[in-house]
Structure formats: C-alpha cells, structure tokens
Amino acid sequence: IKNIGNKAKNTLNLQGQYVGISKIKKN
C-alpha cells in the first residue's frame, strides 16, 4: 500500500477498495 483512507475525489487512481479485513503477525 502507498495510500489508503483519504477521501476519493474521483476513481482515476483507485486501485481497489479497503474492505475491513487485516492481519498483524504476532512477531
């Protein structure tokens, strides 16, 4: 990820949509 979560003004640079599923490894 280079950029996530800012208000989108258009769809030109949107490469996907965060869906609310993430994981952090224990280490």
PDB file of all heavy atoms in Angstrom:
ATOM      1  N   ILE A   1       0.822  -1.204   0.000  1.00  0.00           N
ATOM      2  CA  ILE A   1       0.000   0.000   0.000  1.00  0.00           C
ATOM      3  C   ILE A   1       0.859   1.259   0.000  1.00  0.00           C
ATOM      4  O   ILE A   1       1.811   1.372   0.774  1.00  0.00           O
ATOM      5  CB  ILE A   1      -0.963  -0.009   1.204  1.00  0.00           C
ATOM      6  CG1 ILE A   1      -1.939  -1.180   1.061  1.00  0.00           C
ATOM      7  CG2 ILE A   1      -1.709   1.313   1.325  1.00  0.00           C
ATOM      8  CD1 ILE A   1      -2.830  -1.391   2.246  1.00  0.00           C
ATOM      9  N   LYS A   2       0.480   2.209  -0.880  1.00  0.00           N
ATOM     10  CA  LYS A   2       1.133   3.519  -0.957  1.00  0.00           C
ATOM     11  C   LYS A   2       0.249   4.612  -0.359  1.00  0.00           C
ATOM     12  O   LYS A   2       0.752   5.613   0.128  1.00  0.00           O
ATOM     13  CB  LYS A   2       1.437   3.898  -2.414  1.00  0.00           C
ATOM     14  CG  LYS A   2       2.415   3.009  -3.110  1.00  0.00           C
ATOM     15  CD  LYS A   2       2.859   3.508  -4.465  1.00  0.00           C
ATOM     16  CE  LYS A   2       1.835   4.178  -5.303  1.00  0.00           C
ATOM     17  NZ  LYS A   2       2.267   4.565  -6.642  1.00  0.00           N
ATOM     18  N   ASN A   3      -1.067   4.416  -0.420  1.00  0.00           N
ATOM     19  CA  ASN A   3      -2.010   5.430   0.038  1.00  0.00           C
ATOM     20  C   ASN A   3      -3.328   4.732   0.353  1.00  0.00           C
ATOM     21  O   ASN A   3      -3.822   3.939  -0.443  1.00  0.00           O
ATOM     22  CB  ASN A   3      -2.199   6.471  -1.068  1.00  0.00           C
ATOM     23  CG  ASN A   3      -3.140   7.591  -0.681  1.00  0.00           C
ATOM     24  OD1 ASN A   3      -3.950   7.475   0.227  1.00  0.00           O
ATOM     25  ND2 ASN A   3      -3.034   8.692  -1.393  1.00  0.00           N
ATOM     26  N   ILE A   4      -3.897   5.066   1.504  1.00  0.00           N
ATOM     27  CA  ILE A   4      -5.159   4.447   1.910  1.00  0.00           C
ATOM     28  C   ILE A   4      -5.929   5.404   2.820  1.00  0.00           C
ATOM     29  O   ILE A   4      -5.338   6.108   3.636  1.00  0.00           O
ATOM     30  CB  ILE A   4      -4.922   3.101   2.631  1.00  0.00           C
ATOM     31  CG1 ILE A   4      -6.245   2.425   2.999  1.00  0.00           C
ATOM     32  CG2 ILE A   4      -4.011   3.252   3.825  1.00  0.00           C
ATOM     33  CD1 ILE A   4      -6.099   1.023   3.570  1.00  0.00           C
ATOM     34  N   GLY A   5      -7.245   5.435   2.631  1.00  0.00           N
ATOM     35  CA  GLY A   5      -8.119   6.076   3.604  1.00  0.00           C
ATOM     36  C   GLY A   5      -8.435   7.540   3.440  1.00  0.00           C
ATOM     37  O   GLY A   5      -9.208   8.079   4.220  1.00  0.00           O
ATOM     38  N   ASN A   6      -7.864   8.204   2.433  1.00  0.00           N
ATOM     39  CA  ASN A   6      -8.218   9.602   2.211  1.00  0.00           C
ATOM     40  C   ASN A   6      -9.498   9.670   1.383  1.00  0.00           C
ATOM     41  O   ASN A   6      -9.863   8.726   0.696  1.00  0.00           O
ATOM     42  CB  ASN A   6      -7.077  10.336   1.494  1.00  0.00           C
ATOM     43  CG  ASN A   6      -5.842  10.413   2.363  1.00  0.00           C
ATOM     44  OD1 ASN A   6      -5.885  10.912   3.478  1.00  0.00           O
ATOM     45  ND2 ASN A   6      -4.741   9.883   1.871  1.00  0.00           N
ATOM     46  N   LYS A   7     -10.166  10.794   1.421  1.00  0.00           N
ATOM     47  CA  LYS A   7     -11.390  10.976   0.650  1.00  0.00           C
ATOM     48  C   LYS A   7     -11.059  10.933  -0.838  1.00  0.00           C
ATOM     49  O   LYS A   7     -10.192  11.659  -1.307  1.00  0.00           O
ATOM     50  CB  LYS A   7     -12.040  12.311   1.017  1.00  0.00           C
ATOM     51  CG  LYS A   7     -13.336  12.582   0.309  1.00  0.00           C
ATOM     52  CD  LYS A   7     -14.422  11.683   0.828  1.00  0.00           C
ATOM     53  CE  LYS A   7     -15.732  11.965   0.105  1.00  0.00           C
ATOM     54  NZ  LYS A   7     -16.444  10.795  -0.262  1.00  0.00           N
ATOM     55  N   ALA A   8     -11.740  10.076  -1.584  1.00  0.00           N
ATOM     56  CA  ALA A   8     -11.515   9.973  -3.027  1.00  0.00           C
ATOM     57  C   ALA A   8     -12.316  11.054  -3.742  1.00  0.00           C
ATOM     58  O   ALA A   8     -13.515  11.196  -3.517  1.00  0.00           O
ATOM     59  CB  ALA A   8     -11.925   8.598  -3.527  1.00  0.00           C
ATOM     60  N   LYS A   9     -11.647  11.790  -4.594  1.00  0.00           N
ATOM     61  CA  LYS A   9     -12.319  12.839  -5.375  1.00  0.00           C
ATOM     62  C   LYS A   9     -12.835  12.287  -6.701  1.00  0.00           C
ATOM     63  O   LYS A   9     -13.769  12.800  -7.286  1.00  0.00           O
ATOM     64  CB  LYS A   9     -11.350  13.995  -5.615  1.00  0.00           C
ATOM     65  CG  LYS A   9     -10.975  14.725  -4.339  1.00  0.00           C
ATOM     66  CD  LYS A   9      -9.988  15.850  -4.630  1.00  0.00           C
ATOM     67  CE  LYS A   9      -9.655  16.621  -3.378  1.00  0.00           C
ATOM     68  NZ  LYS A   9      -8.672  16.012  -2.537  1.00  0.00           N
ATOM     69  N   ASN A  10     -12.194  11.224  -7.173  1.00  0.00           N
ATOM     70  CA  ASN A  10     -12.612  10.545  -8.398  1.00  0.00           C
ATOM     71  C   ASN A  10     -12.075   9.114  -8.333  1.00  0.00           C
ATOM     72  O   ASN A  10     -11.485   8.728  -7.337  1.00  0.00           O
ATOM     73  CB  ASN A  10     -12.103  11.282  -9.647  1.00  0.00           C
ATOM     74  CG  ASN A  10     -10.599  11.439  -9.646  1.00  0.00           C
ATOM     75  OD1 ASN A  10      -9.866  10.460  -9.503  1.00  0.00           O
ATOM     76  ND2 ASN A  10     -10.130  12.669  -9.789  1.00  0.00           N
ATOM     77  N   THR A  11     -12.265   8.361  -9.393  1.00  0.00           N
ATOM     78  CA  THR A  11     -11.844   6.954  -9.379  1.00  0.00           C
ATOM     79  C   THR A  11     -10.558   6.704 -10.167  1.00  0.00           C
ATOM     80  O   THR A  11     -10.122   5.568 -10.278  1.00  0.00           O
ATOM     81  CB  THR A  11     -12.959   6.061  -9.963  1.00  0.00           C
ATOM     82  OG1 THR A  11     -13.244   6.494 -11.290  1.00  0.00           O
ATOM     83  CG2 THR A  11     -14.214   6.132  -9.112  1.00  0.00           C
ATOM     84  N   LEU A  12      -9.946   7.761 -10.682  1.00  0.00           N
ATOM     85  CA  LEU A  12      -8.782   7.600 -11.561  1.00  0.00           C
ATOM     86  C   LEU A  12      -7.620   6.838 -10.925  1.00  0.00           C
ATOM     87  O   LEU A  12      -7.013   5.991 -11.560  1.00  0.00           O
ATOM     88  CB  LEU A  12      -8.298   8.971 -12.053  1.00  0.00           C
ATOM     89  CG  LEU A  12      -9.290   9.752 -12.911  1.00  0.00           C
ATOM     90  CD1 LEU A  12      -8.728  11.119 -13.274  1.00  0.00           C
ATOM     91  CD2 LEU A  12      -9.640   8.966 -14.174  1.00  0.00           C
ATOM     92  N   ASN A  13      -7.300   7.133  -9.681  1.00  0.00           N
ATOM     93  CA  ASN A  13      -6.149   6.499  -9.041  1.00  0.00           C
ATOM     94  C   ASN A  13      -6.534   5.434  -8.017  1.00  0.00           C
ATOM     95  O   ASN A  13      -5.713   5.033  -7.208  1.00  0.00           O
ATOM     96  CB  ASN A  13      -5.262   7.551  -8.373  1.00  0.00           C
ATOM     97  CG  ASN A  13      -4.606   8.452  -9.391  1.00  0.00           C
ATOM     98  OD1 ASN A  13      -4.229   8.006 -10.474  1.00  0.00           O
ATOM     99  ND2 ASN A  13      -4.489   9.725  -9.070  1.00  0.00           N
ATOM    100  N   LEU A  14      -7.771   4.991  -8.047  1.00  0.00           N
ATOM    101  CA  LEU A  14      -8.198   3.957  -7.107  1.00  0.00           C
ATOM    102  C   LEU A  14      -7.885   2.586  -7.697  1.00  0.00           C
ATOM    103  O   LEU A  14      -8.393   2.233  -8.745  1.00  0.00           O
ATOM    104  CB  LEU A  14      -9.688   4.070  -6.812  1.00  0.00           C
ATOM    105  CG  LEU A  14     -10.140   5.353  -6.127  1.00  0.00           C
ATOM    106  CD1 LEU A  14     -11.639   5.315  -5.883  1.00  0.00           C
ATOM    107  CD2 LEU A  14      -9.406   5.563  -4.826  1.00  0.00           C
ATOM    108  N   GLN A  15      -7.050   1.850  -7.016  1.00  0.00           N
ATOM    109  CA  GLN A  15      -6.660   0.525  -7.494  1.00  0.00           C
ATOM    110  C   GLN A  15      -7.401  -0.576  -6.757  1.00  0.00           C
ATOM    111  O   GLN A  15      -7.150  -1.749  -6.975  1.00  0.00           O
ATOM    112  CB  GLN A  15      -5.150   0.359  -7.342  1.00  0.00           C
ATOM    113  CG  GLN A  15      -4.377   1.319  -8.223  1.00  0.00           C
ATOM    114  CD  GLN A  15      -2.908   1.286  -7.920  1.00  0.00           C
ATOM    115  OE1 GLN A  15      -2.466   1.805  -6.904  1.00  0.00           O
ATOM    116  NE2 GLN A  15      -2.148   0.658  -8.798  1.00  0.00           N
ATOM    117  N   GLY A  16      -8.295  -0.182  -5.889  1.00  0.00           N
ATOM    118  CA  GLY A  16      -9.070  -1.136  -5.116  1.00  0.00           C
ATOM    119  C   GLY A  16      -9.788  -0.413  -4.003  1.00  0.00           C
ATOM    120  O   GLY A  16      -9.738   0.810  -3.902  1.00  0.00           O
ATOM    121  N   GLN A  17     -10.450  -1.204  -3.154  1.00  0.00           N
ATOM    122  CA  GLN A  17     -11.161  -0.642  -2.014  1.00  0.00           C
ATOM    123  C   GLN A  17     -10.855  -1.492  -0.786  1.00  0.00           C
ATOM    124  O   GLN A  17     -11.006  -2.712  -0.799  1.00  0.00           O
ATOM    125  CB  GLN A  17     -12.667  -0.627  -2.293  1.00  0.00           C
ATOM    126  CG  GLN A  17     -13.505  -0.018  -1.208  1.00  0.00           C
ATOM    127  CD  GLN A  17     -13.256   1.479  -1.029  1.00  0.00           C
ATOM    128  OE1 GLN A  17     -12.816   2.155  -1.937  1.00  0.00           O
ATOM    129  NE2 GLN A  17     -13.533   1.989   0.143  1.00  0.00           N
ATOM    130  N   TYR A  18     -10.382  -0.831   0.258  1.00  0.00           N
ATOM    131  CA  TYR A  18     -10.152  -1.500   1.534  1.00  0.00           C
ATOM    132  C   TYR A  18     -11.479  -2.056   2.022  1.00  0.00           C
ATOM    133  O   TYR A  18     -12.490  -1.361   2.003  1.00  0.00           O
ATOM    134  CB  TYR A  18      -9.574  -0.497   2.538  1.00  0.00           C
ATOM    135  CG  TYR A  18      -9.454  -1.028   3.935  1.00  0.00           C
ATOM    136  CD1 TYR A  18      -8.503  -1.991   4.245  1.00  0.00           C
ATOM    137  CD2 TYR A  18     -10.283  -0.567   4.948  1.00  0.00           C
ATOM    138  CE1 TYR A  18      -8.380  -2.475   5.537  1.00  0.00           C
ATOM    139  CE2 TYR A  18     -10.165  -1.045   6.239  1.00  0.00           C
ATOM    140  CZ  TYR A  18      -9.216  -1.998   6.533  1.00  0.00           C
ATOM    141  OH  TYR A  18      -9.100  -2.478   7.807  1.00  0.00           O
ATOM    142  N   VAL A  19     -11.489  -3.305   2.462  1.00  0.00           N
ATOM    143  CA  VAL A  19     -12.752  -3.945   2.834  1.00  0.00           C
ATOM    144  C   VAL A  19     -12.906  -4.196   4.332  1.00  0.00           C
ATOM    145  O   VAL A  19     -13.954  -4.670   4.759  1.00  0.00           O
ATOM    146  CB  VAL A  19     -12.970  -5.264   2.042  1.00  0.00           C
ATOM    147  CG1 VAL A  19     -13.036  -5.001   0.557  1.00  0.00           C
ATOM    148  CG2 VAL A  19     -11.930  -6.303   2.387  1.00  0.00           C
ATOM    149  N   GLY A  20     -11.889  -3.896   5.113  1.00  0.00           N
ATOM    150  CA  GLY A  20     -12.037  -4.048   6.554  1.00  0.00           C
ATOM    151  C   GLY A  20     -11.590  -5.383   7.110  1.00  0.00           C
ATOM    152  O   GLY A  20     -12.080  -5.821   8.146  1.00  0.00           O
ATOM    153  N   ILE A  21     -10.643  -6.038   6.430  1.00  0.00           N
ATOM    154  CA  ILE A  21     -10.101  -7.311   6.920  1.00  0.00           C
ATOM    155  C   ILE A  21      -8.579  -7.216   6.847  1.00  0.00           C
ATOM    156  O   ILE A  21      -8.017  -7.099   5.761  1.00  0.00           O
ATOM    157  CB  ILE A  21     -10.569  -8.499   6.064  1.00  0.00           C
ATOM    158  CG1 ILE A  21     -12.080  -8.510   5.897  1.00  0.00           C
ATOM    159  CG2 ILE A  21     -10.072  -9.816   6.675  1.00  0.00           C
ATOM    160  CD1 ILE A  21     -12.568  -9.392   4.762  1.00  0.00           C
ATOM    161  N   SER A  22      -7.933  -7.267   8.005  1.00  0.00           N
ATOM    162  CA  SER A  22      -6.473  -7.127   8.049  1.00  0.00           C
ATOM    163  C   SER A  22      -5.891  -8.084   9.075  1.00  0.00           C
ATOM    164  O   SER A  22      -6.616  -8.618   9.920  1.00  0.00           O
ATOM    165  CB  SER A  22      -6.093  -5.687   8.431  1.00  0.00           C
ATOM    166  OG  SER A  22      -6.682  -4.765   7.547  1.00  0.00           O
ATOM    167  N   LYS A  23      -4.580  -8.273   8.990  1.00  0.00           N
ATOM    168  CA  LYS A  23      -3.907  -9.159   9.946  1.00  0.00           C
ATOM    169  C   LYS A  23      -2.553  -8.580  10.322  1.00  0.00           C
ATOM    170  O   LYS A  23      -1.836  -8.039   9.482  1.00  0.00           O
ATOM    171  CB  LYS A  23      -3.713 -10.553   9.360  1.00  0.00           C
ATOM    172  CG  LYS A  23      -3.070 -11.536  10.360  1.00  0.00           C
ATOM    173  CD  LYS A  23      -2.972 -12.929   9.815  1.00  0.00           C
ATOM    174  CE  LYS A  23      -1.755 -13.076   8.955  1.00  0.00           C
ATOM    175  NZ  LYS A  23      -1.449 -14.437   8.550  1.00  0.00           N
ATOM    176  N   ILE A  24      -2.234  -8.691  11.604  1.00  0.00           N
ATOM    177  CA  ILE A  24      -0.913  -8.336  12.118  1.00  0.00           C
ATOM    178  C   ILE A  24      -0.297  -9.614  12.681  1.00  0.00           C
ATOM    179  O   ILE A  24      -0.892 -10.270  13.547  1.00  0.00           O
ATOM    180  CB  ILE A  24      -0.988  -7.270  13.229  1.00  0.00           C
ATOM    181  CG1 ILE A  24      -1.780  -6.049  12.766  1.00  0.00           C
ATOM    182  CG2 ILE A  24       0.411  -6.883  13.686  1.00  0.00           C
ATOM    183  CD1 ILE A  24      -2.125  -5.067  13.873  1.00  0.00           C
ATOM    184  N   LYS A  25       0.869  -9.978  12.180  1.00  0.00           N
ATOM    185  CA  LYS A  25       1.557 -11.176  12.681  1.00  0.00           C
ATOM    186  C   LYS A  25       2.051 -10.941  14.113  1.00  0.00           C
ATOM    187  O   LYS A  25       2.412  -9.825  14.474  1.00  0.00           O
ATOM    188  CB  LYS A  25       2.756 -11.525  11.788  1.00  0.00           C
ATOM    189  CG  LYS A  25       2.401 -11.889  10.357  1.00  0.00           C
ATOM    190  CD  LYS A  25       1.823 -13.265  10.235  1.00  0.00           C
ATOM    191  CE  LYS A  25       2.906 -14.293  10.405  1.00  0.00           C
ATOM    192  NZ  LYS A  25       2.405 -15.655  10.405  1.00  0.00           N
ATOM    193  N   LYS A  26       2.061 -11.991  14.899  1.00  0.00           N
ATOM    194  CA  LYS A  26       2.409 -11.857  16.321  1.00  0.00           C
ATOM    195  C   LYS A  26       3.796 -11.268  16.539  1.00  0.00           C
ATOM    196  O   LYS A  26       4.004 -10.516  17.477  1.00  0.00           O
ATOM    197  CB  LYS A  26       2.259 -13.199  17.043  1.00  0.00           C
ATOM    198  CG  LYS A  26       3.180 -14.299  16.576  1.00  0.00           C
ATOM    199  CD  LYS A  26       2.898 -15.584  17.330  1.00  0.00           C
ATOM    200  CE  LYS A  26       3.688 -16.730  16.764  1.00  0.00           C
ATOM    201  NZ  LYS A  26       3.359 -17.981  17.429  1.00  0.00           N
ATOM    202  N   ASN A  27       4.741 -11.562  15.647  1.00  0.00           N
ATOM    203  CA  ASN A  27       6.098 -11.029  15.823  1.00  0.00           C
ATOM    204  C   ASN A  27       6.197  -9.542  15.472  1.00  0.00           C
ATOM    205  O   ASN A  27       7.236  -8.931  15.656  1.00  0.00           O
ATOM    206  CB  ASN A  27       7.108 -11.836  15.007  1.00  0.00           C
ATOM    207  CG  ASN A  27       6.838 -11.775  13.514  1.00  0.00           C
ATOM    208  OD1 ASN A  27       5.782 -11.365  13.069  1.00  0.00           O
ATOM    209  ND2 ASN A  27       7.805 -12.221  12.731  1.00  0.00           N
TER     210      ASN A  27
END
